[in-house]
Protein backbone atom coordinates (compact mmCIF):
# COMPACT_ATOMS: atom_id res chain seq x y z
CA MET A 1 226.41 80.38 159.29
CA ASN A 2 228.69 83.16 160.82
CA LYS A 3 228.59 84.18 164.15
CA LEU A 4 227.45 87.90 165.04
CA THR A 5 229.67 89.93 167.58
CA ILE A 6 228.75 92.97 169.53
CA LYS A 7 230.99 94.56 167.29
CA ASP A 8 229.53 93.56 164.17
CA PHE A 9 226.05 95.08 165.34
CA ILE A 10 227.73 97.89 166.33
CA LYS A 11 229.88 98.00 162.36
CA LEU A 12 226.11 97.49 161.29
CA LEU A 13 224.48 100.32 163.00
CA MET A 14 227.36 102.36 162.44
CA GLY A 15 227.09 102.15 158.95
CA LYS A 16 223.17 103.27 158.98
CA ILE A 17 224.17 106.28 161.64
CA TRP A 18 222.67 108.78 159.37
CA LEU A 19 219.43 106.64 158.63
CA ILE A 20 219.35 106.50 162.22
CA LEU A 21 219.27 109.92 163.04
CA PHE A 22 217.04 110.75 160.35
CA PHE A 23 214.29 108.71 162.14
CA MET A 24 215.48 109.79 165.28
CA ILE A 25 214.59 113.72 164.36
CA ILE A 26 211.50 112.73 162.47
CA GLY A 27 210.03 110.94 165.72
CA GLY A 28 210.90 113.64 167.85
CA VAL A 29 209.53 116.23 165.86
CA ALA A 30 206.54 114.75 164.96
CA ALA A 31 206.11 113.54 168.70
CA PHE A 32 206.50 117.35 169.07
CA CYS A 33 204.10 118.58 166.85
CA TYR A 34 201.69 116.10 167.49
CA SER A 35 202.00 116.65 171.59
CA LYS A 36 202.13 121.11 170.42
CA PHE A 37 199.35 121.53 168.52
CA MET A 38 197.03 118.07 168.70
CA LEU A 39 196.76 116.77 172.33
CA PRO A 40 194.20 119.06 174.65
CA LEU A 41 195.84 121.10 177.09
CA GLN A 42 195.46 118.97 180.71
CA TYR A 43 194.94 120.91 183.98
CA GLU A 44 195.76 119.84 187.91
CA SER A 45 193.73 120.44 191.20
CA HIS A 46 194.89 118.98 194.11
CA ILE A 47 193.81 118.30 197.87
CA THR A 48 194.89 116.54 200.76
CA MET A 49 192.58 114.58 202.77
CA TYR A 50 193.60 113.37 206.32
CA VAL A 51 191.96 110.02 207.82
CA GLN A 52 191.47 109.77 211.23
CA SER A 53 190.71 106.54 213.11
CA TYR A 54 189.33 106.84 216.96
CA THR A 55 188.38 104.71 219.54
CA ASN A 56 186.62 106.83 222.73
CA VAL A 57 187.61 110.62 222.65
CA ASN A 58 186.18 111.04 226.21
CA ASP A 59 188.95 108.83 227.34
CA ASN A 60 191.06 109.74 230.29
CA THR A 61 193.82 108.63 228.95
CA ASN A 62 194.05 110.59 225.93
CA ASN A 63 197.86 110.33 225.18
CA ASN A 64 197.88 106.91 224.74
CA ASN A 65 194.48 106.93 222.69
CA ASN A 66 196.09 109.36 220.47
CA VAL A 67 199.10 107.06 219.48
CA ASN A 68 196.77 104.27 218.87
CA ASN A 69 194.22 106.77 216.25
CA ILE A 70 197.78 107.63 214.41
CA THR A 71 199.03 103.92 214.31
CA ASN A 72 195.45 102.76 213.23
CA SER A 73 195.10 105.60 210.63
CA LYS A 74 198.29 104.55 208.67
CA GLN A 75 196.74 101.13 208.60
CA LEU A 76 193.32 102.43 207.08
CA VAL A 77 195.28 104.73 204.69
CA ASN A 78 195.31 101.59 202.08
CA THR A 79 192.27 100.86 202.73
CA TYR A 80 190.49 103.73 201.84
CA MET A 81 192.31 104.10 198.60
CA GLU A 82 190.57 101.45 197.54
CA VAL A 83 187.22 102.91 198.92
CA LEU A 84 187.61 106.05 196.95
CA LYS A 85 188.01 104.45 193.46
CA ASP A 86 185.26 101.82 193.94
CA ASP A 87 182.17 102.19 190.78
CA ALA A 88 180.15 103.37 193.54
CA VAL A 89 181.54 106.18 194.83
CA MET A 90 182.44 107.19 190.81
CA ASP A 91 178.59 106.80 189.91
CA ALA A 92 177.81 109.60 192.77
CA LEU A 93 180.83 111.60 191.88
CA GLY A 94 179.04 111.41 188.27
CA GLU A 95 176.29 112.61 189.45
CA ARG A 96 176.94 115.40 191.49
CA LEU A 97 179.43 116.57 188.46
CA MET A 98 176.34 116.55 186.17
CA ASP A 99 174.60 118.27 188.09
CA MET A 100 177.48 121.03 188.44
CA PHE A 101 178.18 121.09 184.65
CA ASP A 102 176.25 121.32 180.83
CA GLN A 103 176.46 118.31 178.87
CA ASP A 104 179.54 119.73 176.39
CA THR A 105 181.44 119.86 179.13
CA ILE A 106 181.35 116.68 180.76
CA SER A 107 181.66 114.91 177.64
CA SER A 108 184.31 116.34 176.71
CA ASN A 109 186.47 115.49 180.04
CA PHE A 110 184.57 111.97 180.51
CA THR A 111 182.91 108.97 178.69
CA ILE A 112 178.84 109.38 178.46
CA SER A 113 177.07 106.37 178.71
CA ASN A 114 173.08 106.39 179.14
CA ARG A 115 172.77 109.70 179.88
CA LYS A 116 175.26 108.90 182.77
CA ILE A 117 179.23 109.20 183.51
CA VAL A 118 181.24 106.08 182.96
CA PRO A 119 182.70 105.21 186.28
CA SER A 120 186.46 104.36 184.74
CA SER A 121 186.42 107.46 182.73
CA ILE A 122 185.72 109.43 186.10
CA ARG A 123 188.71 107.07 187.86
CA LYS A 124 191.37 107.15 184.86
CA THR A 125 191.47 111.08 185.80
CA ILE A 126 192.11 110.29 190.08
CA ASN A 127 195.44 109.66 191.08
CA VAL A 128 195.23 108.91 195.02
CA THR A 129 198.77 108.24 197.06
CA SER A 130 199.43 107.86 200.37
CA VAL A 131 202.08 110.09 202.32
CA ALA A 132 204.72 108.55 204.03
CA ASP A 133 205.20 108.24 207.27
CA THR A 134 201.81 109.89 207.78
CA SER A 135 197.76 109.36 207.76
CA ALA A 136 197.16 111.69 204.90
CA LEU A 137 196.27 111.08 201.30
CA LYS A 138 196.96 113.07 198.75
CA LEU A 139 194.22 113.44 195.85
CA SER A 140 194.96 114.79 192.18
CA VAL A 141 193.19 115.28 189.66
CA VAL A 142 193.69 115.62 186.20
CA THR A 143 190.99 117.06 183.25
CA LYS A 144 191.08 118.88 180.26
CA ASN A 145 188.87 121.88 182.57
CA PRO A 146 190.50 123.31 185.49
CA ASN A 147 187.16 124.03 186.44
CA VAL A 148 186.24 120.52 186.54
CA SER A 149 189.80 119.47 188.07
CA ALA A 150 189.10 121.35 191.43
CA ALA A 151 185.14 120.33 191.31
CA VAL A 152 185.87 116.56 191.25
CA CYS A 153 188.36 117.00 193.98
CA ASN A 154 185.90 118.44 196.11
CA ALA A 155 183.11 116.43 195.23
CA LEU A 156 185.10 113.55 196.38
CA THR A 157 185.98 114.63 199.85
CA VAL A 158 182.30 115.43 200.28
CA ILE A 159 181.19 112.19 198.81
CA ALA A 160 184.06 110.10 200.10
CA PRO A 161 183.12 110.05 204.39
CA LYS A 162 179.55 108.40 203.87
CA PHE A 163 181.11 105.89 201.35
CA VAL A 164 184.11 105.34 204.10
CA GLN A 165 182.27 105.08 206.78
CA ASP A 166 179.60 102.78 205.15
CA ALA A 167 182.27 100.27 204.15
CA VAL A 168 184.43 100.39 207.05
CA GLY A 169 183.09 101.62 209.55
CA VAL A 170 185.85 103.21 211.56
CA GLY A 171 187.26 106.68 211.29
CA SER A 172 186.40 109.00 208.92
CA ILE A 173 188.49 111.55 206.48
CA ASN A 174 188.34 114.81 206.92
CA THR A 175 189.72 117.63 204.72
CA ILE A 176 191.35 121.18 205.74
CA ASP A 177 190.96 123.39 202.71
CA LYS A 178 189.13 123.14 199.19
CA ALA A 179 191.06 122.27 196.11
CA ARG A 180 191.47 125.25 194.19
CA VAL A 181 191.62 125.93 190.39
CA TYR A 182 194.87 125.87 188.79
CA ASN A 183 194.55 127.51 185.56
CA ASN A 184 197.98 126.64 183.98
CA PRO A 185 198.36 123.79 182.25
CA VAL A 186 200.46 120.58 183.44
CA GLY A 187 199.94 118.78 180.35
CA PRO A 188 201.06 117.83 177.51
CA ASN A 189 204.49 117.75 178.42
CA VAL A 190 206.12 118.73 175.25
CA LYS A 191 209.95 117.86 175.67
CA LYS A 192 209.32 114.54 177.28
CA ASN A 193 207.14 113.28 174.73
CA ALA A 194 209.60 114.47 172.03
CA ILE A 195 211.89 113.00 173.79
CA LEU A 196 210.24 109.86 173.73
CA GLY A 197 209.24 110.35 170.04
CA ALA A 198 213.07 109.97 169.36
CA ALA A 199 213.49 107.17 171.76
CA ALA A 200 210.41 105.01 170.03
CA ALA A 201 211.91 106.32 166.79
CA PHE A 202 215.46 104.82 167.52
CA PHE A 203 214.51 101.54 168.81
CA LEU A 204 211.61 100.99 166.10
CA ILE A 205 214.84 101.78 162.76
CA VAL A 206 217.30 99.81 164.95
CA PHE A 207 214.42 96.93 165.00
CA LEU A 208 214.19 97.17 161.37
CA ILE A 209 217.89 97.32 160.51
CA PHE A 210 218.33 94.12 162.46
CA ILE A 211 215.24 92.67 160.99
CA PHE A 212 216.34 93.24 157.34
CA ASP A 213 220.01 92.54 157.79
CA PHE A 214 218.83 89.16 159.77
CA PHE A 215 216.76 88.04 156.01
CA ASP A 216 219.43 90.22 153.90
CA ASN A 217 221.15 87.90 151.70
CA THR A 218 222.97 89.76 149.59
CA ILE A 219 226.88 89.85 149.50
CA LYS A 220 228.48 92.43 151.28
CA GLU A 221 231.68 90.59 153.00
CA SER A 222 234.44 88.99 150.35
CA ASP A 223 235.38 87.55 153.01
CA MET A 224 232.31 85.16 153.27
CA LEU A 225 232.23 84.92 149.72
CA GLY A 226 235.75 83.32 149.66
CA ASN A 227 235.14 81.19 152.51
CA LYS A 228 232.09 79.84 151.51
CA TYR A 229 232.85 78.56 148.22
CA LYS A 230 236.73 78.22 149.05
CA LYS A 231 237.46 80.34 145.96
CA ALA A 232 240.17 83.32 146.08
CA ILE A 233 238.83 86.90 145.95
CA LEU A 234 240.75 88.32 143.53
CA GLY A 235 239.97 92.10 143.96
CA GLU A 236 237.46 94.47 145.34
CA VAL A 237 236.23 97.99 143.52
CA ASN A 238 234.42 101.12 145.18
CA ARG A 239 231.49 102.03 143.13
CA PHE A 240 232.67 104.75 141.12
CA ASP A 241 231.11 106.57 137.44
CA ASP A 242 231.34 110.21 135.84
CA PRO A 243 228.50 112.45 137.43
CA LYS A 244 229.19 114.48 134.34
CA LYS A 245 227.68 111.74 132.32
CA ARG A 246 224.52 110.74 134.22
CA LYS A 247 221.94 110.79 132.12
CA GLY A 248 218.53 112.36 134.22
CA GLY A 249 220.27 111.73 137.56
CA LYS A 250 221.00 107.83 136.95
CA LYS A 251 223.62 105.57 136.20
CA ASP A 252 223.77 104.97 132.61
CA VAL A 253 226.14 102.86 129.76
CA ASP A 254 228.04 105.49 129.35
CA SER A 255 228.63 107.23 132.45
CA ARG A 256 231.01 104.04 133.60
CA MET A 257 234.74 105.15 133.53
CA LEU A 258 237.38 103.78 132.70
CA ILE A 259 240.52 103.67 134.44
CA SER A 260 242.67 105.14 131.36
CA GLU A 261 240.23 108.10 131.79
CA PRO A 262 242.49 111.25 133.71
CA GLN A 263 239.33 111.68 136.52
CA THR A 264 238.75 107.87 137.73
CA PRO A 265 239.73 107.97 141.50
CA PHE A 266 243.65 106.53 141.95
CA TYR A 267 242.42 104.14 144.43
CA VAL A 268 240.58 102.66 141.89
CA SER A 269 242.89 102.29 139.32
CA GLU A 270 245.03 100.69 142.05
CA SER A 271 242.00 98.01 142.47
CA TYR A 272 242.05 97.10 139.21
CA LYS A 273 246.27 97.02 138.71
CA SER A 274 245.85 94.80 142.17
CA ILE A 275 242.97 92.60 140.14
CA ARG A 276 245.28 92.43 136.81
CA THR A 277 247.78 91.02 139.36
CA ASN A 278 245.67 88.01 140.99
CA VAL A 279 244.09 87.06 137.42
CA MET A 280 247.99 86.68 136.72
CA PHE A 281 248.60 84.26 139.64
CA ALA A 282 245.32 82.69 139.37
CA MET A 283 246.52 81.61 135.45
CA GLY A 284 249.43 80.28 136.46
CA THR A 285 252.15 79.16 133.63
CA SER A 286 249.39 78.02 130.84
CA ASP A 287 250.24 79.18 127.70
CA ASN A 288 246.32 79.98 127.78
CA LYS A 289 245.50 83.71 128.76
CA ILE A 290 241.98 83.72 127.65
CA VAL A 291 240.38 84.65 130.55
CA VAL A 292 236.41 84.90 130.20
CA VAL A 293 234.49 87.82 132.59
CA SER A 294 230.81 86.89 134.17
CA SER A 295 228.28 87.54 136.89
CA PRO A 296 225.59 85.73 137.90
CA ASN A 297 223.07 88.51 136.85
CA PRO A 298 222.16 91.31 134.19
CA SER A 299 223.60 95.24 136.08
CA ASP A 300 226.68 93.17 138.66
CA GLY A 301 229.13 94.96 136.49
CA LYS A 302 231.01 92.80 134.49
CA SER A 303 231.39 94.77 131.37
CA THR A 304 233.38 97.99 133.28
CA THR A 305 234.91 95.48 134.90
CA ALA A 306 235.97 92.82 131.97
CA ALA A 307 237.06 96.96 130.20
CA ASN A 308 239.03 98.02 132.91
CA ILE A 309 241.28 94.87 133.38
CA ALA A 310 241.38 94.83 130.01
CA ILE A 311 242.94 98.33 130.01
CA ALA A 312 245.24 97.20 133.33
CA PHE A 313 246.66 94.48 131.24
CA ALA A 314 247.46 96.56 128.42
CA GLN A 315 249.32 99.05 130.76
CA THR A 316 252.07 96.24 131.05
CA ASP A 317 253.11 96.85 128.15
CA SER A 318 251.46 94.13 126.75
CA ARG A 319 249.29 93.48 123.69
CA VAL A 320 245.50 93.11 125.22
CA LEU A 321 242.27 92.40 122.95
CA LEU A 322 238.76 92.71 124.69
CA ILE A 323 236.05 90.90 123.25
CA ASP A 324 232.81 91.85 123.57
CA ALA A 325 230.49 88.11 123.77
CA ASP A 326 227.28 89.54 125.15
CA MET A 327 226.01 89.78 121.62
CA ARG A 328 222.52 89.50 123.08
CA LYS A 329 223.23 93.13 125.02
CA PRO A 330 226.35 94.26 123.82
CA VAL A 331 228.12 97.61 125.94
CA GLN A 332 231.80 97.83 124.61
CA HIS A 333 231.28 99.11 121.63
CA LYS A 334 229.81 102.05 123.63
CA THR A 335 231.94 101.73 126.54
CA PHE A 336 234.55 102.36 123.99
CA LYS A 337 232.41 104.41 121.52
CA VAL A 338 233.17 102.86 118.44
CA LYS A 339 230.73 101.60 115.63
CA ASN A 340 229.17 97.82 116.06
CA ILE A 341 228.62 97.33 112.45
CA ASP A 342 230.67 94.75 112.26
CA GLY A 343 231.91 92.42 115.00
CA LEU A 344 231.95 89.05 116.64
CA SER A 345 228.80 87.52 115.12
CA THR A 346 229.89 88.39 111.36
CA LEU A 347 233.63 87.33 112.08
CA ILE A 348 232.40 83.81 113.46
CA ILE A 349 230.15 83.32 110.20
CA LYS A 350 232.78 84.84 107.91
CA LYS A 351 231.03 87.33 107.19
CA SER A 352 233.46 89.99 107.43
CA GLU A 353 237.27 90.49 107.77
CA THR A 354 239.64 90.50 110.79
CA GLU A 355 240.87 93.67 109.81
CA LYS A 356 237.39 95.50 109.38
CA CYS A 357 236.08 94.13 112.93
CA ILE A 358 238.71 94.93 115.46
CA LYS A 359 238.99 98.42 116.93
CA GLU A 360 242.56 98.96 117.02
CA ASN A 361 243.94 100.70 120.21
CA VAL A 362 240.77 102.30 122.02
CA VAL A 363 243.51 102.05 124.84
CA ASP A 364 247.04 102.12 123.97
CA GLY A 365 247.78 98.82 123.53
CA LEU A 366 243.90 97.45 123.60
CA ASP A 367 242.49 96.08 120.76
CA LEU A 368 238.57 95.92 120.96
CA LEU A 369 236.37 93.13 119.00
CA PRO A 370 232.73 94.43 119.35
CA SER A 371 229.57 91.95 119.55
CA GLY A 372 228.32 93.00 115.99
CA PRO A 373 224.68 92.95 114.78
CA THR A 374 222.66 90.56 117.29
CA PRO A 375 222.16 87.01 115.83
CA PRO A 376 219.40 84.83 116.38
CA ASN A 377 221.84 81.83 118.07
CA PRO A 378 224.76 83.52 120.28
CA SER A 379 225.52 80.43 121.99
CA GLU A 380 225.79 77.71 118.96
CA LEU A 381 228.04 80.89 117.07
CA LEU A 382 229.89 80.81 120.63
CA ALA A 383 229.88 77.29 120.87
CA SER A 384 231.20 76.76 116.64
CA GLU A 385 234.99 75.39 115.85
CA ASN A 386 234.81 78.84 113.81
CA PHE A 387 235.26 80.65 117.24
CA ALA A 388 237.07 78.22 118.62
CA GLU A 389 239.77 79.03 115.52
CA LEU A 390 239.67 82.25 116.11
CA LEU A 391 240.51 82.08 119.96
CA ASN A 392 244.02 79.98 118.44
CA GLN A 393 244.82 83.21 115.59
CA PHE A 394 243.84 86.19 118.45
CA SER A 395 245.83 84.00 120.99
CA ILE A 396 249.22 83.97 118.77
CA VAL A 397 248.38 87.61 118.23
CA TYR A 398 248.01 89.09 121.49
CA ASP A 399 249.23 88.58 124.93
CA TYR A 400 246.05 88.36 126.53
CA ILE A 401 242.46 88.07 125.74
CA ILE A 402 239.54 89.41 128.13
CA ILE A 403 235.91 88.04 127.26
CA ASP A 404 233.00 90.05 128.51
CA THR A 405 230.40 87.39 128.05
CA PRO A 406 226.16 86.98 129.01
CA PRO A 407 225.19 86.49 132.85
CA ILE A 408 225.32 82.81 133.75
CA ASN A 409 222.10 82.85 135.34
CA VAL A 410 220.49 83.93 132.28
CA VAL A 411 222.15 81.92 129.18
CA SER A 412 224.94 79.26 129.06
CA ASP A 413 226.99 81.94 127.01
CA ALA A 414 229.89 81.75 129.02
CA LEU A 415 230.11 78.38 129.51
CA VAL A 416 229.79 76.78 126.30
CA MET A 417 233.49 77.71 125.67
CA LYS A 418 234.91 76.31 129.04
CA ASN A 419 237.26 74.54 126.74
CA LEU A 420 238.65 77.87 124.92
CA VAL A 421 239.91 79.44 127.74
CA ASN A 422 242.25 79.28 131.42
CA GLY A 423 239.17 80.61 133.55
CA ILE A 424 236.11 82.12 134.71
CA LEU A 425 235.88 85.43 136.92
CA LEU A 426 233.11 86.28 138.62
CA VAL A 427 231.64 89.41 139.22
CA VAL A 428 229.37 90.23 141.86
CA LYS A 429 227.59 93.58 143.06
CA HIS A 430 228.26 94.58 146.71
CA GLY A 431 224.72 94.82 148.46
CA LYS A 432 222.97 93.15 145.55
CA THR A 433 223.67 89.99 144.23
CA THR A 434 222.74 87.32 146.64
CA PHE A 435 224.02 84.01 148.04
CA ASP A 436 221.38 82.27 146.49
CA GLU A 437 222.17 83.82 142.88
CA VAL A 438 226.10 82.84 143.65
CA ASP A 439 225.12 79.41 144.23
CA ASN A 440 222.97 79.03 141.14
CA SER A 441 225.91 80.26 139.00
CA MET A 442 228.51 77.73 140.77
CA LYS A 443 226.10 75.20 140.64
CA GLN A 444 226.51 75.65 136.67
CA LEU A 445 230.05 75.89 136.83
CA ASP A 446 230.71 72.85 138.77
CA LEU A 447 228.46 71.48 136.64
CA ALA A 448 230.18 72.40 133.60
CA GLN A 449 233.49 71.49 134.99
CA ALA A 450 235.18 74.82 134.34
CA ASN A 451 237.82 76.26 135.94
CA MET A 452 236.56 79.20 138.43
CA LEU A 453 239.42 81.53 138.56
CA GLY A 454 237.74 83.69 141.36
CA PHE A 455 235.60 86.81 142.47
CA VAL A 456 235.84 90.22 141.87
CA MET A 457 233.53 92.53 144.71
CA ASN A 458 232.07 95.14 142.40
CA GLU A 459 230.82 98.25 143.77
CA ILE A 460 231.32 98.40 147.09
CA GLU A 461 230.66 101.92 148.98
CA GLN A 462 233.19 104.13 148.36
CA ASN A 463 233.59 105.03 152.05
CA ARG A 464 233.89 101.51 152.75
CA HIS A 465 237.56 101.48 151.69
CA SER A 466 238.65 104.40 149.82
CA SER A 467 240.48 105.67 152.74
CA TYR A 468 242.94 102.86 152.70
CA TYR A 469 243.94 103.43 149.51
CA LYS A 470 244.09 107.33 149.58
CA SER A 471 246.51 106.12 152.72
CA LYS A 472 248.48 103.73 151.18
CA TYR A 473 249.30 105.50 147.65
CA ASP A 474 248.05 109.39 147.67
CA TYR A 475 251.20 110.57 149.90
CA SER A 476 253.58 108.52 147.74
CA TYR A 477 252.57 108.97 144.28
CA GLY A 478 249.88 111.42 143.69
CA GLU A 479 246.80 110.33 142.06
CA SER A 480 247.23 112.17 138.88
CA SER A 481 250.67 111.55 137.79
CA ASN A 482 250.93 107.58 137.77
CA SER A 483 246.87 106.55 137.55
CA ASN A 484 246.84 106.11 133.84
CA LYS A 485 251.12 105.06 133.09
CA LYS A 486 251.59 101.62 131.63
CA ASP A 487 253.10 99.68 134.09
CA SER A 488 256.67 98.29 132.94
CA GLU A 489 256.09 95.81 136.00
CA ILE A 490 253.75 93.79 137.18
CA ASP A 491 251.95 95.36 140.41
CA VAL A 492 252.48 93.63 143.62
CA ASN A 493 250.27 95.62 145.26
């Protein structure tokens, strides 16, 4: 398993930056709206209380006594802070508040149980802090009612001295003024909550991205694919199709673009030319120039890949035959817009003539043998001697033969012709095909002792490699003038 670096994490997050920003905006807006329209307003009142410690007020040595009183007062502050929050003090405070306000006001600010205010509900509204280097306590109260906040402060200054005296036995608590009613709300802090909402959304979506990426077993890096299976990566192809041919906004077989079409992006054409070159090298010096194109699963893009590889070979002034051997779910006749009345199935059982089945020059230099009617036993037909004889005959006429076969993980059609072809090219779909699915395909290929030429990574997100191809080719060659011309020489790029 590859070790992830900080760079990998940053790359992962940058790839999801718009998703992260979207969730941050949603989190911030949600927190803002909740704070603005759902949370009740909060009002604060405060008062300062002074702790006094005394020894003997009639002593003639007043200076020494004053110093001692101040020192002792500072030491008593923390003790008094705890006494002020005791349940007994809260109970007494609650009884006083019950006499001052109606039931609705009390219940909207505190929790009522057995016709008494729960001490903890009062305590959480009170904040007592000591003023540094003084014997003063600052008492602040925040409730939903400005009058209640002021009343709690004032009531506590009346109740506190008795409890402090009973508990501690020395000193006293004094106040100079009464707490005032402030009608300007201090909460909720809408801006702060909005920022916290956006921050919470950020951490949540980042956490989810890491979790999903950790458990995501789909193939996203061609290097990892090649290194794991010790097989060549014959090429990578960006996601592309013709939006004008989409049906209901969804990609359909008829929306697949061929590199022979003028609207096909130039960098896509170059990708298939690169694959063509790599396939040529992978086949080596063998006289067998038959290549099977398959994939682990349906919808991995093998048929589009097979068609475009065949076109790329035809652009080298070679005679190329594309055979649609996926007789269960054929698509090549739709891709090239030809009839599928007679084809491979009828040709194998010798119910049709070769000339009638093969569609010549569907693209310059490329002939197509469609699948024909769906037979009940496709695997048996492909494993028959008649099919082997057909391939021998075609090998004499054509320079290259590309065979589109069903997915390996679904049926064994691609494997039954292993001895008739040079090798098998496996198409995997970026972000969809999993390593488990490729594992299963590779096991079957190994068991069948089939020659595996390599992988093609299909449907890569466009922004991942398109800039590379554009910067490498566009300025020197141009898209429109060269993308569909025949290549008289092998493309080594």
